[in-house]
Amino acid sequence: MLVRYFAGARAAAGLDEQTVDLPAGATIGDLVAHLGEQHGGDLPRVLSLCSFLVDGTVARDPSTPLDGHRGVDVLPPFAGG
């Protein structure tokens, strides 16, 4: 699965995107835990504030399954004006 990071999530992860292999039945919560453990630093805190797009559809529930999906976009809160 391709994980793409944006804005502060990109800075915390130290990369724009990565491929992640998760076991069958994995959820958004599992992905967040995996990424936080893999990268450490500020990323776990940033991920706790993020929204996620799963194949372009907003996923707010950590129990959202990822089976059959190809990509997740990690979107931290944006300020604008």
C-alpha atoms as a PDB file:
ATOM      1  CA  MET A   1       0.000   0.000   0.000  1.00  0.00           C
ATOM      2  CA  LEU A   2       1.288   3.451  -0.877  1.00  0.00           C
ATOM      3  CA  VAL A   3       1.255   5.965   1.987  1.00  0.00           C
ATOM      4  CA  ARG A   4       1.658   9.604   0.977  1.00  0.00           C
ATOM      5  CA  TYR A   5       2.499  12.277   3.553  1.00  0.00           C
ATOM      6  CA  PHE A   6       1.538  15.941   3.305  1.00  0.00           C
ATOM      7  CA  ALA A   7       2.703  19.135   5.074  1.00  0.00           C
ATOM      8  CA  GLY A   8       3.647  18.517   8.733  1.00  0.00           C
ATOM      9  CA  ALA A   9       3.225  14.762   8.356  1.00  0.00           C
ATOM     10  CA  ARG A  10       5.803  14.846   5.544  1.00  0.00           C
ATOM     11  CA  ALA A  11       8.212  16.771   7.763  1.00  0.00           C
ATOM     12  CA  ALA A  12       7.702  14.406  10.721  1.00  0.00           C
ATOM     13  CA  ALA A  13       8.101  11.261   8.589  1.00  0.00           C
ATOM     14  CA  GLY A  14      11.076  12.677   6.701  1.00  0.00           C
ATOM     15  CA  LEU A  15       9.747  11.506   3.348  1.00  0.00           C
ATOM     16  CA  ASP A  16       7.009  12.182   0.809  1.00  0.00           C
ATOM     17  CA  GLU A  17       5.737   8.631   0.458  1.00  0.00           C
ATOM     18  CA  GLN A  18       6.487   5.033   1.234  1.00  0.00           C
ATOM     19  CA  THR A  19       5.193   1.570   0.507  1.00  0.00           C
ATOM     20  CA  VAL A  20       3.903  -0.313   3.542  1.00  0.00           C
ATOM     21  CA  ASP A  21       3.020  -3.997   3.754  1.00  0.00           C
ATOM     22  CA  LEU A  22       0.346  -4.745   6.332  1.00  0.00           C
ATOM     23  CA  PRO A  23      -1.258  -8.069   7.212  1.00  0.00           C
ATOM     24  CA  ALA A  24      -4.744  -8.984   6.033  1.00  0.00           C
ATOM     25  CA  GLY A  25      -7.396  -7.355   8.173  1.00  0.00           C
ATOM     26  CA  ALA A  26      -5.265  -4.299   8.979  1.00  0.00           C
ATOM     27  CA  THR A  27      -7.035  -1.044   9.800  1.00  0.00           C
ATOM     28  CA  ILE A  28      -6.188   2.659   9.820  1.00  0.00           C
ATOM     29  CA  GLY A  29      -5.321   2.234  13.513  1.00  0.00           C
ATOM     30  CA  ASP A  30      -2.889  -0.556  12.651  1.00  0.00           C
ATOM     31  CA  LEU A  31      -1.305   1.606   9.968  1.00  0.00           C
ATOM     32  CA  VAL A  32      -0.921   4.534  12.376  1.00  0.00           C
ATOM     33  CA  ALA A  33       0.713   2.278  14.991  1.00  0.00           C
ATOM     34  CA  HIS A  34       3.049   0.774  12.383  1.00  0.00           C
ATOM     35  CA  LEU A  35       4.125   4.162  11.016  1.00  0.00           C
ATOM     36  CA  GLY A  36       4.627   5.610  14.494  1.00  0.00           C
ATOM     37  CA  GLU A  37       6.833   2.689  15.523  1.00  0.00           C
ATOM     38  CA  GLN A  38       8.769   2.753  12.269  1.00  0.00           C
ATOM     39  CA  HIS A  39       9.572   6.465  12.253  1.00  0.00           C
ATOM     40  CA  GLY A  40       9.284   7.573  15.891  1.00  0.00           C
ATOM     41  CA  GLY A  41      10.181  11.174  16.699  1.00  0.00           C
ATOM     42  CA  ASP A  42       7.261  13.557  16.239  1.00  0.00           C
ATOM     43  CA  LEU A  43       5.358  11.324  13.840  1.00  0.00           C
ATOM     44  CA  PRO A  44       3.165   9.507  16.415  1.00  0.00           C
ATOM     45  CA  ARG A  45       1.948  12.857  17.792  1.00  0.00           C
ATOM     46  CA  VAL A  46       1.367  14.247  14.294  1.00  0.00           C
ATOM     47  CA  LEU A  47      -0.514  11.105  13.223  1.00  0.00           C
ATOM     48  CA  SER A  48      -2.844  11.473  16.212  1.00  0.00           C
ATOM     49  CA  LEU A  49      -3.991  14.801  14.731  1.00  0.00           C
ATOM     50  CA  CYS A  50      -4.249  13.702  11.104  1.00  0.00           C
ATOM     51  CA  SER A  51      -7.084  12.860   8.779  1.00  0.00           C
ATOM     52  CA  PHE A  52      -6.727  10.040   6.291  1.00  0.00           C
ATOM     53  CA  LEU A  53      -7.913   9.548   2.749  1.00  0.00           C
ATOM     54  CA  VAL A  54      -8.196   5.891   1.778  1.00  0.00           C
ATOM     55  CA  ASP A  55      -8.189   5.699  -2.015  1.00  0.00           C
ATOM     56  CA  GLY A  56      -9.548   9.255  -2.011  1.00  0.00           C
ATOM     57  CA  THR A  57     -12.306   8.702   0.574  1.00  0.00           C
ATOM     58  CA  VAL A  58     -12.133  10.309   4.027  1.00  0.00           C
ATOM     59  CA  ALA A  59     -11.623   7.748   6.798  1.00  0.00           C
ATOM     60  CA  ARG A  60     -12.021   9.101  10.336  1.00  0.00           C
ATOM     61  CA  ASP A  61     -12.596   5.825  12.184  1.00  0.00           C
ATOM     62  CA  PRO A  62      -9.386   3.994  13.225  1.00  0.00           C
ATOM     63  CA  SER A  63     -11.209   0.692  12.702  1.00  0.00           C
ATOM     64  CA  THR A  64     -11.609   1.414   8.964  1.00  0.00           C
ATOM     65  CA  PRO A  65     -10.312  -1.687   7.140  1.00  0.00           C
ATOM     66  CA  LEU A  66      -7.563  -1.290   4.564  1.00  0.00           C
ATOM     67  CA  ASP A  67      -7.966  -4.618   2.744  1.00  0.00           C
ATOM     68  CA  GLY A  68      -8.310  -4.128  -0.980  1.00  0.00           C
ATOM     69  CA  HIS A  69      -7.199  -0.499  -0.908  1.00  0.00           C
ATOM     70  CA  ARG A  70      -4.133   0.807  -2.703  1.00  0.00           C
ATOM     71  CA  GLY A  71      -3.288   4.097  -1.038  1.00  0.00           C
ATOM     72  CA  VAL A  72      -3.608   6.248   2.055  1.00  0.00           C
ATOM     73  CA  ASP A  73      -2.971   9.982   2.159  1.00  0.00           C
ATOM     74  CA  VAL A  74      -1.938  11.362   5.555  1.00  0.00           C
ATOM     75  CA  LEU A  75      -3.264  14.898   6.010  1.00  0.00           C
ATOM     76  CA  PRO A  76      -2.421  16.956   9.086  1.00  0.00           C
ATOM     77  CA  PRO A  77      -4.679  19.858  10.057  1.00  0.00           C
ATOM     78  CA  PHE A  78      -4.166  22.795   7.733  1.00  0.00           C
ATOM     79  CA  ALA A  79      -4.380  26.442   8.723  1.00  0.00           C
ATOM     80  CA  GLY A  80      -5.566  28.876   6.158  1.00  0.00           C
ATOM     81  CA  GLY A  81      -6.919  32.284   5.777  1.00  0.00           C
END
